[in-house]
Amino acid sequence: MLTYALLVFFIGALGGLVLASFVLRGKFTPWVVSLLHALLGASGLILLLLAVLQGAGTIATVALGVLVVAALGGFYLASLHLQSKLAVKKVVFVHAGLAVTGVLTLLSAVLMQ
């Protein structure tokens, strides 16, 4: 299940790169891409949570914690979009940094299986 979560996060990261390219150009992100990114992130979190509940180990649990914090940043960014405000670039970088850290931590958990 960890491998499936990792694959879902990798696909979601592609959407995140598209979204970040809009933010860095000072433009609003497309809602469709934002929703797909959020759906993939949530799906990855659910898969990872299920794996942790089944005893995936400490590294997977740490990855889950980091990715939950990243998701909170994503919720904040989505709330800005709902208010028709441009995303704050610093928050985008923190969100992305946490997500990358969480996914790399998950990758290490997968590789250590």
Protein backbone atom coordinates (compact mmCIF):
# COMPACT_ATOMS: atom_id res chain seq x y z
CA MET A 1 0.00 0.00 0.00
CA LEU A 2 2.97 2.31 0.62
CA THR A 3 4.00 1.98 -3.01
CA TYR A 4 0.53 2.94 -4.22
CA ALA A 5 0.52 5.97 -1.92
CA LEU A 6 3.92 6.97 -3.27
CA LEU A 7 2.72 6.69 -6.88
CA VAL A 8 -0.36 8.78 -6.13
CA PHE A 9 1.81 11.45 -4.48
CA PHE A 10 4.18 11.47 -7.47
CA ILE A 11 1.28 12.04 -9.87
CA GLY A 12 -0.12 14.73 -7.57
CA ALA A 13 3.29 16.40 -7.53
CA LEU A 14 3.06 16.90 -11.29
CA GLY A 15 -0.10 18.92 -10.73
CA GLY A 16 1.69 20.81 -7.98
CA LEU A 17 4.43 21.81 -10.43
CA VAL A 18 1.80 23.14 -12.84
CA LEU A 19 0.12 25.08 -10.03
CA ALA A 20 3.42 26.51 -8.80
CA SER A 21 4.26 27.70 -12.31
CA PHE A 22 1.09 29.80 -12.30
CA VAL A 23 1.77 31.22 -8.84
CA LEU A 24 5.35 32.14 -9.72
CA ARG A 25 4.04 34.07 -12.72
CA GLY A 26 1.54 35.91 -10.51
CA LYS A 27 -1.51 34.25 -12.04
CA PHE A 28 -4.47 32.41 -10.59
CA THR A 29 -4.22 28.64 -10.76
CA PRO A 30 -6.76 26.67 -12.80
CA TRP A 31 -9.47 25.20 -10.56
CA VAL A 32 -9.46 21.87 -12.37
CA VAL A 33 -5.76 21.34 -11.73
CA SER A 34 -6.13 22.53 -8.13
CA LEU A 35 -8.96 20.09 -7.48
CA LEU A 36 -7.12 17.17 -9.09
CA HIS A 37 -4.01 18.02 -7.06
CA ALA A 38 -6.07 18.11 -3.87
CA LEU A 39 -7.87 14.86 -4.74
CA LEU A 40 -4.61 13.07 -5.41
CA GLY A 41 -3.07 14.45 -2.22
CA ALA A 42 -6.06 13.36 -0.16
CA SER A 43 -6.06 9.92 -1.79
CA GLY A 44 -2.36 9.53 -1.06
CA LEU A 45 -2.92 10.53 2.55
CA ILE A 46 -5.71 7.99 2.95
CA LEU A 47 -3.60 5.20 1.46
CA LEU A 48 -0.67 6.17 3.67
CA LEU A 49 -2.89 6.38 6.76
CA LEU A 50 -4.24 2.89 6.05
CA ALA A 51 -0.71 1.56 5.67
CA VAL A 52 0.37 3.19 8.94
CA LEU A 53 -2.66 1.75 10.73
CA GLN A 54 -1.64 -1.67 9.43
CA GLY A 55 1.83 -1.25 10.95
CA ALA A 56 3.89 0.24 8.11
CA GLY A 57 6.50 1.49 10.58
CA THR A 58 8.01 4.60 12.06
CA ILE A 59 9.37 6.13 8.85
CA ALA A 60 5.97 5.86 7.16
CA THR A 61 4.37 7.44 10.24
CA VAL A 62 6.82 10.36 10.07
CA ALA A 63 6.05 10.75 6.36
CA LEU A 64 2.33 10.84 7.18
CA GLY A 65 2.87 13.56 9.79
CA VAL A 66 4.91 15.72 7.42
CA LEU A 67 2.41 15.26 4.60
CA VAL A 68 -0.52 16.17 6.86
CA VAL A 69 1.22 19.45 7.70
CA ALA A 70 1.82 20.01 3.97
CA ALA A 71 -1.89 19.38 3.37
CA LEU A 72 -2.77 22.06 5.91
CA GLY A 73 -0.70 24.50 3.89
CA GLY A 74 -2.59 23.37 0.81
CA PHE A 75 -5.91 24.07 2.53
CA TYR A 76 -4.69 27.56 3.35
CA LEU A 77 -3.68 28.15 -0.27
CA ALA A 78 -7.07 26.89 -1.47
CA SER A 79 -8.81 29.24 0.96
CA LEU A 80 -6.93 32.16 -0.59
CA HIS A 81 -8.06 31.04 -4.02
CA LEU A 82 -11.67 30.88 -2.82
CA GLN A 83 -11.33 34.48 -1.68
CA SER A 84 -10.01 35.46 -5.13
CA LYS A 85 -6.60 36.27 -3.67
CA LEU A 86 -3.36 35.25 -5.29
CA ALA A 87 -1.39 32.59 -3.44
CA VAL A 88 1.48 33.79 -1.25
CA LYS A 89 4.71 32.59 -2.87
CA LYS A 90 6.38 31.93 0.48
CA VAL A 91 3.52 29.68 1.54
CA VAL A 92 3.70 27.84 -1.80
CA PHE A 93 7.42 27.18 -1.22
CA VAL A 94 6.81 25.96 2.34
CA HIS A 95 3.93 23.74 1.15
CA ALA A 96 6.06 22.31 -1.65
CA GLY A 97 9.08 21.85 0.62
CA LEU A 98 7.05 19.94 3.18
CA ALA A 99 5.43 17.83 0.48
CA VAL A 100 8.78 16.95 -1.08
CA THR A 101 10.20 16.12 2.35
CA GLY A 102 7.21 13.91 3.13
CA VAL A 103 7.35 12.12 -0.20
CA LEU A 104 11.11 11.53 0.09
CA THR A 105 10.54 10.17 3.59
CA LEU A 106 7.84 7.90 2.19
CA LEU A 107 10.19 6.82 -0.59
CA SER A 108 12.74 5.79 2.02
CA ALA A 109 10.04 3.77 3.81
CA VAL A 110 9.16 2.03 0.55
CA LEU A 111 12.80 1.27 -0.23
CA MET A 112 13.38 -0.17 3.25
CA GLN A 113 10.50 -2.66 2.94
